[in-house]
Amino acid sequence: MQADKAKINRLLKTARGQIEGILKMVEEDRYCMDISHQLMATEAILNKANKEILTAHLKSCVTNAKTDEEREEKVDELVAMLGKIM
């Protein structure tokens, strides 16, 4: 993986902290909309981490493919992943 590992780790640790906070909010019977807001914020962080990883895949794995066949396979992987996201 050629993504900025420090950035990815920071984003994932932030998301983990938010999830722990959300679990506490649920246990404390906090207001539903506040919980939902925190869930959306966590999703945004996870999406940002995924974007970094997919961008690295495109810039590294796809562009550095040694053959046209390998490049096509890497692009197909990316397209399949984008299909799951959208």
Protein backbone atom coordinates (compact mmCIF):
# COMPACT_ATOMS: atom_id res chain seq x y z
CA MET A 1 0.00 0.00 0.00
CA GLN A 2 1.48 3.31 -1.10
CA ALA A 3 -0.95 5.55 0.79
CA ASP A 4 0.28 7.90 3.50
CA LYS A 5 0.21 5.39 6.35
CA ALA A 6 0.50 8.04 9.06
CA LYS A 7 -2.52 9.88 7.66
CA ILE A 8 -4.54 6.66 7.32
CA ASN A 9 -3.64 5.60 10.87
CA ARG A 10 -4.62 9.02 12.23
CA LEU A 11 -7.99 8.90 10.46
CA LEU A 12 -8.73 5.35 11.59
CA LYS A 13 -7.74 6.07 15.19
CA THR A 14 -10.01 9.11 15.15
CA ALA A 15 -12.87 6.97 13.81
CA ARG A 16 -12.19 4.35 16.49
CA GLY A 17 -12.37 7.04 19.18
CA GLN A 18 -15.63 8.30 17.74
CA ILE A 19 -17.10 4.80 17.69
CA GLU A 20 -16.14 4.32 21.33
CA GLY A 21 -17.87 7.61 22.09
CA ILE A 22 -20.96 6.54 20.15
CA LEU A 23 -21.12 3.28 22.10
CA LYS A 24 -21.03 5.29 25.32
CA MET A 25 -23.77 7.58 24.01
CA VAL A 26 -25.98 4.56 23.26
CA GLU A 27 -25.35 3.11 26.73
CA GLU A 28 -26.28 6.46 28.27
CA ASP A 29 -29.50 6.69 26.22
CA ARG A 30 -28.40 9.97 24.67
CA TYR A 31 -30.58 11.87 22.21
CA CYS A 32 -31.05 9.95 18.95
CA MET A 33 -30.14 12.87 16.70
CA ASP A 34 -26.87 13.44 18.57
CA ILE A 35 -25.95 9.78 18.07
CA SER A 36 -26.89 9.96 14.40
CA HIS A 37 -24.76 13.08 13.96
CA GLN A 38 -21.74 11.31 15.45
CA LEU A 39 -22.34 8.29 13.22
CA MET A 40 -22.34 10.52 10.14
CA ALA A 41 -19.12 12.19 11.29
CA THR A 42 -17.51 8.78 11.73
CA GLU A 43 -18.67 7.69 8.27
CA ALA A 44 -17.12 10.84 6.80
CA ILE A 45 -13.76 10.03 8.40
CA LEU A 46 -13.90 6.43 7.16
CA ASN A 47 -14.81 7.66 3.67
CA LYS A 48 -11.84 10.02 3.74
CA ALA A 49 -9.52 7.15 4.71
CA ASN A 50 -10.96 5.00 1.93
CA LYS A 51 -10.50 7.82 -0.57
CA GLU A 52 -6.82 8.06 0.40
CA ILE A 53 -6.36 4.31 -0.08
CA LEU A 54 -8.19 4.21 -3.41
CA THR A 55 -6.25 7.23 -4.66
CA ALA A 56 -3.01 5.50 -3.73
CA HIS A 57 -4.18 2.40 -5.59
CA LEU A 58 -4.82 4.44 -8.69
CA LYS A 59 -1.58 6.41 -8.49
CA SER A 60 0.60 3.45 -7.58
CA CYS A 61 -0.83 0.04 -8.40
CA VAL A 62 -2.55 1.04 -11.64
CA THR A 63 0.15 3.33 -13.01
CA ASN A 64 2.98 0.96 -12.07
CA ALA A 65 1.40 -2.13 -13.60
CA LYS A 66 3.96 -3.85 -15.80
CA THR A 67 1.60 -5.07 -18.51
CA ASP A 68 -1.61 -3.85 -20.10
CA GLU A 69 -3.33 -6.96 -18.74
CA GLU A 70 -2.18 -6.23 -15.20
CA ARG A 71 -3.21 -2.56 -15.55
CA GLU A 72 -6.65 -3.60 -16.79
CA GLU A 73 -7.01 -5.98 -13.83
CA LYS A 74 -6.12 -3.19 -11.38
CA VAL A 75 -8.59 -0.80 -13.02
CA ASP A 76 -11.29 -3.49 -12.90
CA GLU A 77 -10.63 -3.92 -9.16
CA LEU A 78 -11.03 -0.19 -8.66
CA VAL A 79 -14.23 -0.04 -10.71
CA ALA A 80 -15.68 -2.97 -8.73
CA MET A 81 -14.87 -1.23 -5.45
CA LEU A 82 -16.42 2.03 -6.65
CA GLY A 83 -19.54 0.04 -7.59
CA LYS A 84 -19.81 -1.13 -3.99
CA ILE A 85 -19.36 2.38 -2.64
CA MET A 86 -21.88 4.08 -4.89
